[in-house]
Amino acid sequence: MTALGMNPFAIGLGLDEDTAAFIAPDDRLEVVGSGSVTIVDPSDIEFSNLYSRSEGDSICLVNVRIHFLVDGWSYDLNRREASHHHVLPG
């Protein structure tokens, strides 16, 4: 979280076991697997104490978005939006 707080243009990703995040050429991340992908979006941080705190102090970040996405969900890395893909049976 410290790294994201200092670089709010970045996006943090966490992958569960047996889960993958495939990134397509259009920068859409697709979640596949039995677990979830955690996405941390710091782009709208309203407050951070990262530059004013003393060493050893806890960090404070306000307005960080977190998504936990499972199989069938995607995340647009440019628009920073999650969406679900409805798969038709067939």
PDB file of N, CA and C in Angstrom:
ATOM      1  N   MET A   1       0.819  -1.188   0.000  1.00  0.00           N
ATOM      2  CA  MET A   1       0.000   0.000   0.000  1.00  0.00           C
ATOM      3  C   MET A   1       0.868   1.258   0.000  1.00  0.00           C
ATOM      4  N   THR A   2       2.005   1.183   0.655  1.00  0.00           N
ATOM      5  CA  THR A   2       2.908   2.338   0.652  1.00  0.00           C
ATOM      6  C   THR A   2       3.365   2.659  -0.764  1.00  0.00           C
ATOM      7  N   ALA A   3       3.755   1.641  -1.513  1.00  0.00           N
ATOM      8  CA  ALA A   3       4.209   1.855  -2.888  1.00  0.00           C
ATOM      9  C   ALA A   3       3.099   2.465  -3.745  1.00  0.00           C
ATOM     10  N   LEU A   4       1.863   1.992  -3.576  1.00  0.00           N
ATOM     11  CA  LEU A   4       0.750   2.543  -4.351  1.00  0.00           C
ATOM     12  C   LEU A   4       0.413   3.962  -3.907  1.00  0.00           C
ATOM     13  N   GLY A   5       0.522   4.227  -2.614  1.00  0.00           N
ATOM     14  CA  GLY A   5       0.262   5.567  -2.124  1.00  0.00           C
ATOM     15  C   GLY A   5       1.254   6.581  -2.661  1.00  0.00           C
ATOM     16  N   MET A   6       2.478   6.135  -2.883  1.00  0.00           N
ATOM     17  CA  MET A   6       3.503   7.024  -3.424  1.00  0.00           C
ATOM     18  C   MET A   6       3.455   7.087  -4.951  1.00  0.00           C
ATOM     19  N   ASN A   7       2.732   6.160  -5.572  1.00  0.00           N
ATOM     20  CA  ASN A   7       2.612   6.086  -7.035  1.00  0.00           C
ATOM     21  C   ASN A   7       1.154   5.848  -7.421  1.00  0.00           C
ATOM     22  N   PRO A   8       0.271   6.829  -7.201  1.00  0.00           N
ATOM     23  CA  PRO A   8      -1.164   6.601  -7.419  1.00  0.00           C
ATOM     24  C   PRO A   8      -1.559   6.378  -8.877  1.00  0.00           C
ATOM     25  N   PHE A   9      -0.620   6.514  -9.806  1.00  0.00           N
ATOM     26  CA  PHE A   9      -0.900   6.202 -11.209  1.00  0.00           C
ATOM     27  C   PHE A   9      -0.885   4.689 -11.440  1.00  0.00           C
ATOM     28  N   ALA A  10      -0.274   3.935 -10.533  1.00  0.00           N
ATOM     29  CA  ALA A  10      -0.136   2.481 -10.680  1.00  0.00           C
ATOM     30  C   ALA A  10      -1.405   1.772 -10.192  1.00  0.00           C
ATOM     31  N   ILE A  11      -1.488   0.476 -10.504  1.00  0.00           N
ATOM     32  CA  ILE A  11      -2.576  -0.372 -10.029  1.00  0.00           C
ATOM     33  C   ILE A  11      -1.941  -1.596  -9.384  1.00  0.00           C
ATOM     34  N   GLY A  12      -2.404  -1.948  -8.193  1.00  0.00           N
ATOM     35  CA  GLY A  12      -1.888  -3.125  -7.503  1.00  0.00           C
ATOM     36  C   GLY A  12      -2.716  -4.358  -7.832  1.00  0.00           C
ATOM     37  N   LEU A  13      -2.040  -5.491  -8.037  1.00  0.00           N
ATOM     38  CA  LEU A  13      -2.719  -6.752  -8.338  1.00  0.00           C
ATOM     39  C   LEU A  13      -2.272  -7.827  -7.365  1.00  0.00           C
ATOM     40  N   GLY A  14      -3.222  -8.613  -6.898  1.00  0.00           N
ATOM     41  CA  GLY A  14      -2.933  -9.775  -6.078  1.00  0.00           C
ATOM     42  C   GLY A  14      -3.658 -10.965  -6.655  1.00  0.00           C
ATOM     43  N   LEU A  15      -2.981 -12.092  -6.777  1.00  0.00           N
ATOM     44  CA  LEU A  15      -3.572 -13.282  -7.388  1.00  0.00           C
ATOM     45  C   LEU A  15      -3.696 -14.400  -6.365  1.00  0.00           C
ATOM     46  N   ASP A  16      -4.884 -14.988  -6.272  1.00  0.00           N
ATOM     47  CA  ASP A  16      -5.075 -16.182  -5.457  1.00  0.00           C
ATOM     48  C   ASP A  16      -4.480 -17.383  -6.170  1.00  0.00           C
ATOM     49  N   GLU A  17      -4.272 -18.427  -5.409  1.00  0.00           N
ATOM     50  CA  GLU A  17      -3.809 -19.698  -5.974  1.00  0.00           C
ATOM     51  C   GLU A  17      -4.834 -20.192  -6.995  1.00  0.00           C
ATOM     52  N   ASP A  18      -4.370 -20.838  -8.040  1.00  0.00           N
ATOM     53  CA  ASP A  18      -5.225 -21.385  -9.108  1.00  0.00           C
ATOM     54  C   ASP A  18      -6.041 -20.308  -9.820  1.00  0.00           C
ATOM     55  N   THR A  19      -5.500 -19.104  -9.901  1.00  0.00           N
ATOM     56  CA  THR A  19      -6.195 -17.994 -10.552  1.00  0.00           C
ATOM     57  C   THR A  19      -5.196 -17.218 -11.407  1.00  0.00           C
ATOM     58  N   ALA A  20      -5.665 -16.739 -12.560  1.00  0.00           N
ATOM     59  CA  ALA A  20      -4.808 -15.979 -13.466  1.00  0.00           C
ATOM     60  C   ALA A  20      -5.488 -14.671 -13.854  1.00  0.00           C
ATOM     61  N   ALA A  21      -4.665 -13.704 -14.211  1.00  0.00           N
ATOM     62  CA  ALA A  21      -5.142 -12.429 -14.736  1.00  0.00           C
ATOM     63  C   ALA A  21      -4.498 -12.257 -16.108  1.00  0.00           C
ATOM     64  N   PHE A  22      -5.269 -12.475 -17.145  1.00  0.00           N
ATOM     65  CA  PHE A  22      -4.779 -12.326 -18.515  1.00  0.00           C
ATOM     66  C   PHE A  22      -5.039 -10.899 -18.973  1.00  0.00           C
ATOM     67  N   ILE A  23      -4.016 -10.233 -19.482  1.00  0.00           N
ATOM     68  CA  ILE A  23      -4.169  -8.866 -19.951  1.00  0.00           C
ATOM     69  C   ILE A  23      -4.140  -8.867 -21.475  1.00  0.00           C
ATOM     70  N   ALA A  24      -5.264  -8.440 -22.075  1.00  0.00           N
ATOM     71  CA  ALA A  24      -5.427  -8.404 -23.525  1.00  0.00           C
ATOM     72  C   ALA A  24      -4.723  -7.171 -24.096  1.00  0.00           C
ATOM     73  N   PRO A  25      -4.502  -7.141 -25.409  1.00  0.00           N
ATOM     74  CA  PRO A  25      -3.851  -5.983 -26.040  1.00  0.00           C
ATOM     75  C   PRO A  25      -4.581  -4.659 -25.798  1.00  0.00           C
ATOM     76  N   ASP A  26      -5.888  -4.712 -25.526  1.00  0.00           N
ATOM     77  CA  ASP A  26      -6.647  -3.485 -25.261  1.00  0.00           C
ATOM     78  C   ASP A  26      -6.610  -3.086 -23.781  1.00  0.00           C
ATOM     79  N   ASP A  27      -5.703  -3.705 -23.010  1.00  0.00           N
ATOM     80  CA  ASP A  27      -5.512  -3.422 -21.588  1.00  0.00           C
ATOM     81  C   ASP A  27      -6.721  -3.804 -20.733  1.00  0.00           C
ATOM     82  N   ARG A  28      -7.423  -4.834 -21.164  1.00  0.00           N
ATOM     83  CA  ARG A  28      -8.512  -5.381 -20.350  1.00  0.00           C
ATOM     84  C   ARG A  28      -7.986  -6.638 -19.676  1.00  0.00           C
ATOM     85  N   LEU A  29      -8.064  -6.665 -18.363  1.00  0.00           N
ATOM     86  CA  LEU A  29      -7.612  -7.798 -17.567  1.00  0.00           C
ATOM     87  C   LEU A  29      -8.783  -8.768 -17.399  1.00  0.00           C
ATOM     88  N   GLU A  30      -8.567 -10.033 -17.738  1.00  0.00           N
ATOM     89  CA  GLU A  30      -9.606 -11.057 -17.622  1.00  0.00           C
ATOM     90  C   GLU A  30      -9.234 -12.017 -16.493  1.00  0.00           C
ATOM     91  N   VAL A  31     -10.175 -12.296 -15.605  1.00  0.00           N
ATOM     92  CA  VAL A  31      -9.937 -13.192 -14.472  1.00  0.00           C
ATOM     93  C   VAL A  31     -10.409 -14.594 -14.831  1.00  0.00           C
ATOM     94  N   VAL A  32      -9.524 -15.574 -14.623  1.00  0.00           N
ATOM     95  CA  VAL A  32      -9.834 -16.980 -14.893  1.00  0.00           C
ATOM     96  C   VAL A  32      -9.298 -17.808 -13.733  1.00  0.00           C
ATOM     97  N   GLY A  33     -10.127 -18.727 -13.226  1.00  0.00           N
ATOM     98  CA  GLY A  33      -9.657 -19.626 -12.185  1.00  0.00           C
ATOM     99  C   GLY A  33     -10.654 -19.780 -11.052  1.00  0.00           C
ATOM    100  N   SER A  34     -10.220 -20.518 -10.026  1.00  0.00           N
ATOM    101  CA  SER A  34     -11.128 -20.843  -8.926  1.00  0.00           C
ATOM    102  C   SER A  34     -11.069 -19.841  -7.778  1.00  0.00           C
ATOM    103  N   GLY A  35     -10.085 -18.949  -7.778  1.00  0.00           N
ATOM    104  CA  GLY A  35      -9.961 -17.950  -6.715  1.00  0.00           C
ATOM    105  C   GLY A  35     -10.355 -16.575  -7.201  1.00  0.00           C
ATOM    106  N   SER A  36      -9.676 -15.567  -6.683  1.00  0.00           N
ATOM    107  CA  SER A  36      -9.989 -14.200  -7.091  1.00  0.00           C
ATOM    108  C   SER A  36      -8.713 -13.412  -7.360  1.00  0.00           C
ATOM    109  N   VAL A  37      -8.910 -12.294  -8.045  1.00  0.00           N
ATOM    110  CA  VAL A  37      -7.846 -11.326  -8.278  1.00  0.00           C
ATOM    111  C   VAL A  37      -8.229 -10.074  -7.486  1.00  0.00           C
ATOM    112  N   THR A  38      -7.303  -9.595  -6.690  1.00  0.00           N
ATOM    113  CA  THR A  38      -7.515  -8.361  -5.937  1.00  0.00           C
ATOM    114  C   THR A  38      -6.882  -7.218  -6.720  1.00  0.00           C
ATOM    115  N   ILE A  39      -7.665  -6.177  -6.946  1.00  0.00           N
ATOM    116  CA  ILE A  39      -7.185  -5.000  -7.655  1.00  0.00           C
ATOM    117  C   ILE A  39      -7.274  -3.809  -6.707  1.00  0.00           C
ATOM    118  N   VAL A  40      -6.157  -3.128  -6.531  1.00  0.00           N
ATOM    119  CA  VAL A  40      -6.099  -1.945  -5.670  1.00  0.00           C
ATOM    120  C   VAL A  40      -5.854  -0.733  -6.562  1.00  0.00           C
ATOM    121  N   ASP A  41      -6.810   0.192  -6.551  1.00  0.00           N
ATOM    122  CA  ASP A  41      -6.755   1.388  -7.394  1.00  0.00           C
ATOM    123  C   ASP A  41      -6.596   2.622  -6.507  1.00  0.00           C
ATOM    124  N   PRO A  42      -5.387   3.203  -6.463  1.00  0.00           N
ATOM    125  CA  PRO A  42      -5.151   4.370  -5.626  1.00  0.00           C
ATOM    126  C   PRO A  42      -5.342   5.708  -6.346  1.00  0.00           C
ATOM    127  N   SER A  43      -5.911   5.689  -7.544  1.00  0.00           N
ATOM    128  CA  SER A  43      -5.936   6.900  -8.375  1.00  0.00           C
ATOM    129  C   SER A  43      -6.746   8.048  -7.790  1.00  0.00           C
ATOM    130  N   ASP A  44      -7.682   7.752  -6.877  1.00  0.00           N
ATOM    131  CA  ASP A  44      -8.524   8.804  -6.309  1.00  0.00           C
ATOM    132  C   ASP A  44      -8.184   9.123  -4.858  1.00  0.00           C
ATOM    133  N   ILE A  45      -6.958   8.834  -4.440  1.00  0.00           N
ATOM    134  CA  ILE A  45      -6.572   9.112  -3.059  1.00  0.00           C
ATOM    135  C   ILE A  45      -6.834  10.584  -2.734  1.00  0.00           C
ATOM    136  N   GLU A  46      -7.546  10.805  -1.621  1.00  0.00           N
ATOM    137  CA  GLU A  46      -7.860  12.163  -1.178  1.00  0.00           C
ATOM    138  C   GLU A  46      -6.874  12.660  -0.128  1.00  0.00           C
ATOM    139  N   PHE A  47      -6.302  11.725   0.622  1.00  0.00           N
ATOM    140  CA  PHE A  47      -5.352  12.102   1.662  1.00  0.00           C
ATOM    141  C   PHE A  47      -4.331  10.992   1.843  1.00  0.00           C
ATOM    142  N   SER A  48      -3.094  11.370   2.055  1.00  0.00           N
ATOM    143  CA  SER A  48      -2.014  10.444   2.362  1.00  0.00           C
ATOM    144  C   SER A  48      -1.069  11.108   3.352  1.00  0.00           C
ATOM    145  N   ASN A  49      -0.623  10.348   4.348  1.00  0.00           N
ATOM    146  CA  ASN A  49       0.366  10.877   5.282  1.00  0.00           C
ATOM    147  C   ASN A  49       1.767  10.351   4.980  1.00  0.00           C
ATOM    148  N   LEU A  50       1.959   9.780   3.797  1.00  0.00           N
ATOM    149  CA  LEU A  50       3.211   9.108   3.476  1.00  0.00           C
ATOM    150  C   LEU A  50       4.426  10.023   3.514  1.00  0.00           C
ATOM    151  N   TYR A  51       4.258  11.279   3.187  1.00  0.00           N
ATOM    152  CA  TYR A  51       5.398  12.180   3.140  1.00  0.00           C
ATOM    153  C   TYR A  51       5.571  12.983   4.429  1.00  0.00           C
ATOM    154  N   SER A  52       4.603  12.873   5.342  1.00  0.00           N
ATOM    155  CA  SER A  52       4.689  13.649   6.580  1.00  0.00           C
ATOM    156  C   SER A  52       4.858  12.779   7.825  1.00  0.00           C
ATOM    157  N   ARG A  53       4.786  11.487   7.679  1.00  0.00           N
ATOM    158  CA  ARG A  53       4.871  10.611   8.853  1.00  0.00           C
ATOM    159  C   ARG A  53       6.325  10.335   9.214  1.00  0.00           C
ATOM    160  N   SER A  54       6.523   9.927  10.444  1.00  0.00           N
ATOM    161  CA  SER A  54       7.853   9.534  10.913  1.00  0.00           C
ATOM    162  C   SER A  54       8.055   8.054  10.652  1.00  0.00           C
ATOM    163  N   GLU A  55       9.300   7.629  10.552  1.00  0.00           N
ATOM    164  CA  GLU A  55       9.603   6.220  10.328  1.00  0.00           C
ATOM    165  C   GLU A  55       8.975   5.387  11.448  1.00  0.00           C
ATOM    166  N   GLY A  56       8.310   4.332  11.069  1.00  0.00           N
ATOM    167  CA  GLY A  56       7.655   3.463  12.038  1.00  0.00           C
ATOM    168  C   GLY A  56       6.195   3.801  12.279  1.00  0.00           C
ATOM    169  N   ASP A  57       5.759   5.000  11.853  1.00  0.00           N
ATOM    170  CA  ASP A  57       4.348   5.375  11.994  1.00  0.00           C
ATOM    171  C   ASP A  57       3.510   4.604  10.972  1.00  0.00           C
ATOM    172  N   SER A  58       2.273   4.360  11.324  1.00  0.00           N
ATOM    173  CA  SER A  58       1.350   3.707  10.397  1.00  0.00           C
ATOM    174  C   SER A  58       1.002   4.651   9.258  1.00  0.00           C
ATOM    175  N   ILE A  59       0.633   4.051   8.121  1.00  0.00           N
ATOM    176  CA  ILE A  59       0.248   4.884   6.984  1.00  0.00           C
ATOM    177  C   ILE A  59      -1.260   5.137   7.019  1.00  0.00           C
ATOM    178  N   CYS A  60      -1.650   6.258   6.445  1.00  0.00           N
ATOM    179  CA  CYS A  60      -3.058   6.625   6.321  1.00  0.00           C
ATOM    180  C   CYS A  60      -3.305   6.998   4.865  1.00  0.00           C
ATOM    181  N   LEU A  61      -4.208   6.269   4.223  1.00  0.00           N
ATOM    182  CA  LEU A  61      -4.618   6.555   2.854  1.00  0.00           C
ATOM    183  C   LEU A  61      -6.141   6.608   2.840  1.00  0.00           C
ATOM    184  N   VAL A  62      -6.706   7.661   2.267  1.00  0.00           N
ATOM    185  CA  VAL A  62      -8.153   7.823   2.222  1.00  0.00           C
ATOM    186  C   VAL A  62      -8.626   7.750   0.776  1.00  0.00           C
ATOM    187  N   ASN A  63      -9.668   6.962   0.543  1.00  0.00           N
ATOM    188  CA  ASN A  63     -10.328   6.798  -0.753  1.00  0.00           C
ATOM    189  C   ASN A  63      -9.507   5.947  -1.727  1.00  0.00           C
ATOM    190  N   VAL A  64      -9.123   4.769  -1.269  1.00  0.00           N
ATOM    191  CA  VAL A  64      -8.476   3.769  -2.125  1.00  0.00           C
ATOM    192  C   VAL A  64      -9.549   2.744  -2.487  1.00  0.00           C
ATOM    193  N   ARG A  65      -9.689   2.445  -3.777  1.00  0.00           N
ATOM    194  CA  ARG A  65     -10.696   1.467  -4.220  1.00  0.00           C
ATOM    195  C   ARG A  65     -10.067   0.083  -4.304  1.00  0.00           C
ATOM    196  N   ILE A  66     -10.811  -0.917  -3.806  1.00  0.00           N
ATOM    197  CA  ILE A  66     -10.351  -2.304  -3.858  1.00  0.00           C
ATOM    198  C   ILE A  66     -11.455  -3.152  -4.481  1.00  0.00           C
ATOM    199  N   HIS A  67     -11.067  -3.986  -5.442  1.00  0.00           N
ATOM    200  CA  HIS A  67     -11.989  -4.908  -6.098  1.00  0.00           C
ATOM    201  C   HIS A  67     -11.488  -6.331  -5.873  1.00  0.00           C
ATOM    202  N   PHE A  68     -12.388  -7.246  -5.595  1.00  0.00           N
ATOM    203  CA  PHE A  68     -12.083  -8.677  -5.529  1.00  0.00           C
ATOM    204  C   PHE A  68     -12.884  -9.327  -6.641  1.00  0.00           C
ATOM    205  N   LEU A  69     -12.221  -9.680  -7.737  1.00  0.00           N
ATOM    206  CA  LEU A  69     -12.903 -10.185  -8.925  1.00  0.00           C
ATOM    207  C   LEU A  69     -12.657 -11.678  -9.095  1.00  0.00           C
ATOM    208  N   VAL A  70     -13.697 -12.400  -9.505  1.00  0.00           N
ATOM    209  CA  VAL A  70     -13.611 -13.845  -9.707  1.00  0.00           C
ATOM    210  C   VAL A  70     -13.778 -14.173 -11.189  1.00  0.00           C
ATOM    211  N   ASP A  71     -13.685 -15.455 -11.497  1.00  0.00           N
ATOM    212  CA  ASP A  71     -13.804 -15.962 -12.865  1.00  0.00           C
ATOM    213  C   ASP A  71     -15.014 -15.346 -13.565  1.00  0.00           C
ATOM    214  N   GLY A  72     -14.807 -14.864 -14.778  1.00  0.00           N
ATOM    215  CA  GLY A  72     -15.887 -14.256 -15.545  1.00  0.00           C
ATOM    216  C   GLY A  72     -15.933 -12.746 -15.441  1.00  0.00           C
ATOM    217  N   TRP A  73     -15.122 -12.182 -14.585  1.00  0.00           N
ATOM    218  CA  TRP A  73     -15.062 -10.723 -14.443  1.00  0.00           C
ATOM    219  C   TRP A  73     -13.834 -10.190 -15.158  1.00  0.00           C
ATOM    220  N   SER A  74     -13.896  -8.925 -15.518  1.00  0.00           N
ATOM    221  CA  SER A  74     -12.749  -8.275 -16.147  1.00  0.00           C
ATOM    222  C   SER A  74     -12.580  -6.882 -15.555  1.00  0.00           C
ATOM    223  N   TYR A  75     -11.431  -6.293 -15.847  1.00  0.00           N
ATOM    224  CA  TYR A  75     -11.128  -4.964 -15.348  1.00  0.00           C
ATOM    225  C   TYR A  75     -10.425  -4.192 -16.446  1.00  0.00           C
ATOM    226  N   ASP A  76     -10.979  -3.045 -16.807  1.00  0.00           N
ATOM    227  CA  ASP A  76     -10.385  -2.183 -17.818  1.00  0.00           C
ATOM    228  C   ASP A  76      -9.305  -1.346 -17.137  1.00  0.00           C
ATOM    229  N   LEU A  77      -8.041  -1.619 -17.456  1.00  0.00           N
ATOM    230  CA  LEU A  77      -6.926  -0.948 -16.802  1.00  0.00           C
ATOM    231  C   LEU A  77      -6.837   0.530 -17.161  1.00  0.00           C
ATOM    232  N   ASN A  78      -7.376   0.934 -18.299  1.00  0.00           N
ATOM    233  CA  ASN A  78      -7.349   2.346 -18.700  1.00  0.00           C
ATOM    234  C   ASN A  78      -8.487   3.134 -18.049  1.00  0.00           C
ATOM    235  N   ARG A  79      -9.685   2.576 -18.077  1.00  0.00           N
ATOM    236  CA  ARG A  79     -10.849   3.256 -17.500  1.00  0.00           C
ATOM    237  C   ARG A  79     -10.998   2.976 -16.010  1.00  0.00           C
ATOM    238  N   ARG A  80     -10.265   1.955 -15.523  1.00  0.00           N
ATOM    239  CA  ARG A  80     -10.297   1.547 -14.117  1.00  0.00           C
ATOM    240  C   ARG A  80     -11.712   1.186 -13.681  1.00  0.00           C
ATOM    241  N   GLU A  81     -12.315   0.289 -14.488  1.00  0.00           N
ATOM    242  CA  GLU A  81     -13.683  -0.158 -14.229  1.00  0.00           C
ATOM    243  C   GLU A  81     -13.777  -1.667 -14.339  1.00  0.00           C
ATOM    244  N   ALA A  82     -14.520  -2.273 -13.420  1.00  0.00           N
ATOM    245  CA  ALA A  82     -14.773  -3.708 -13.440  1.00  0.00           C
ATOM    246  C   ALA A  82     -16.072  -3.982 -14.179  1.00  0.00           C
ATOM    247  N   SER A  83     -16.148  -5.147 -14.819  1.00  0.00           N
ATOM    248  CA  SER A  83     -17.386  -5.560 -15.482  1.00  0.00           C
ATOM    249  C   SER A  83     -17.448  -7.080 -15.514  1.00  0.00           C
ATOM    250  N   HIS A  84     -18.653  -7.593 -15.633  1.00  0.00           N
ATOM    251  CA  HIS A  84     -18.886  -9.036 -15.666  1.00  0.00           C
ATOM    252  C   HIS A  84     -19.261  -9.442 -17.075  1.00  0.00           C
ATOM    253  N   HIS A  85     -18.687 -10.556 -17.530  1.00  0.00           N
ATOM    254  CA  HIS A  85     -19.007 -11.089 -18.846  1.00  0.00           C
ATOM    255  C   HIS A  85     -20.058 -12.161 -18.698  1.00  0.00           C
ATOM    256  N   HIS A  86     -21.201 -11.923 -19.298  1.00  0.00           N
ATOM    257  CA  HIS A  86     -22.268 -12.915 -19.274  1.00  0.00           C
ATOM    258  C   HIS A  86     -22.030 -13.901 -20.397  1.00  0.00           C
ATOM    259  N   VAL A  87     -21.763 -15.130 -20.055  1.00  0.00           N
ATOM    260  CA  VAL A  87     -21.480 -16.163 -21.053  1.00  0.00           C
ATOM    261  C   VAL A  87     -22.778 -16.897 -21.350  1.00  0.00           C
ATOM    262  N   LEU A  88     -23.168 -16.912 -22.607  1.00  0.00           N
ATOM    263  CA  LEU A  88     -24.388 -17.614 -23.009  1.00  0.00           C
ATOM    264  C   LEU A  88     -24.100 -19.107 -23.104  1.00  0.00           C
ATOM    265  N   PRO A  89     -25.012 -19.943 -22.612  1.00  0.00           N
ATOM    266  CA  PRO A  89     -24.807 -21.392 -22.741  1.00  0.00           C
ATOM    267  C   PRO A  89     -24.841 -21.797 -24.202  1.00  0.00           C
ATOM    268  N   GLY A  90     -24.102 -22.814 -24.521  1.00  0.00           N
ATOM    269  CA  GLY A  90     -24.153 -23.200 -25.919  1.00  0.00           C
ATOM    270  C   GLY A  90     -23.084 -24.101 -26.285  1.00  0.00           C
TER     271      GLY A  90
END
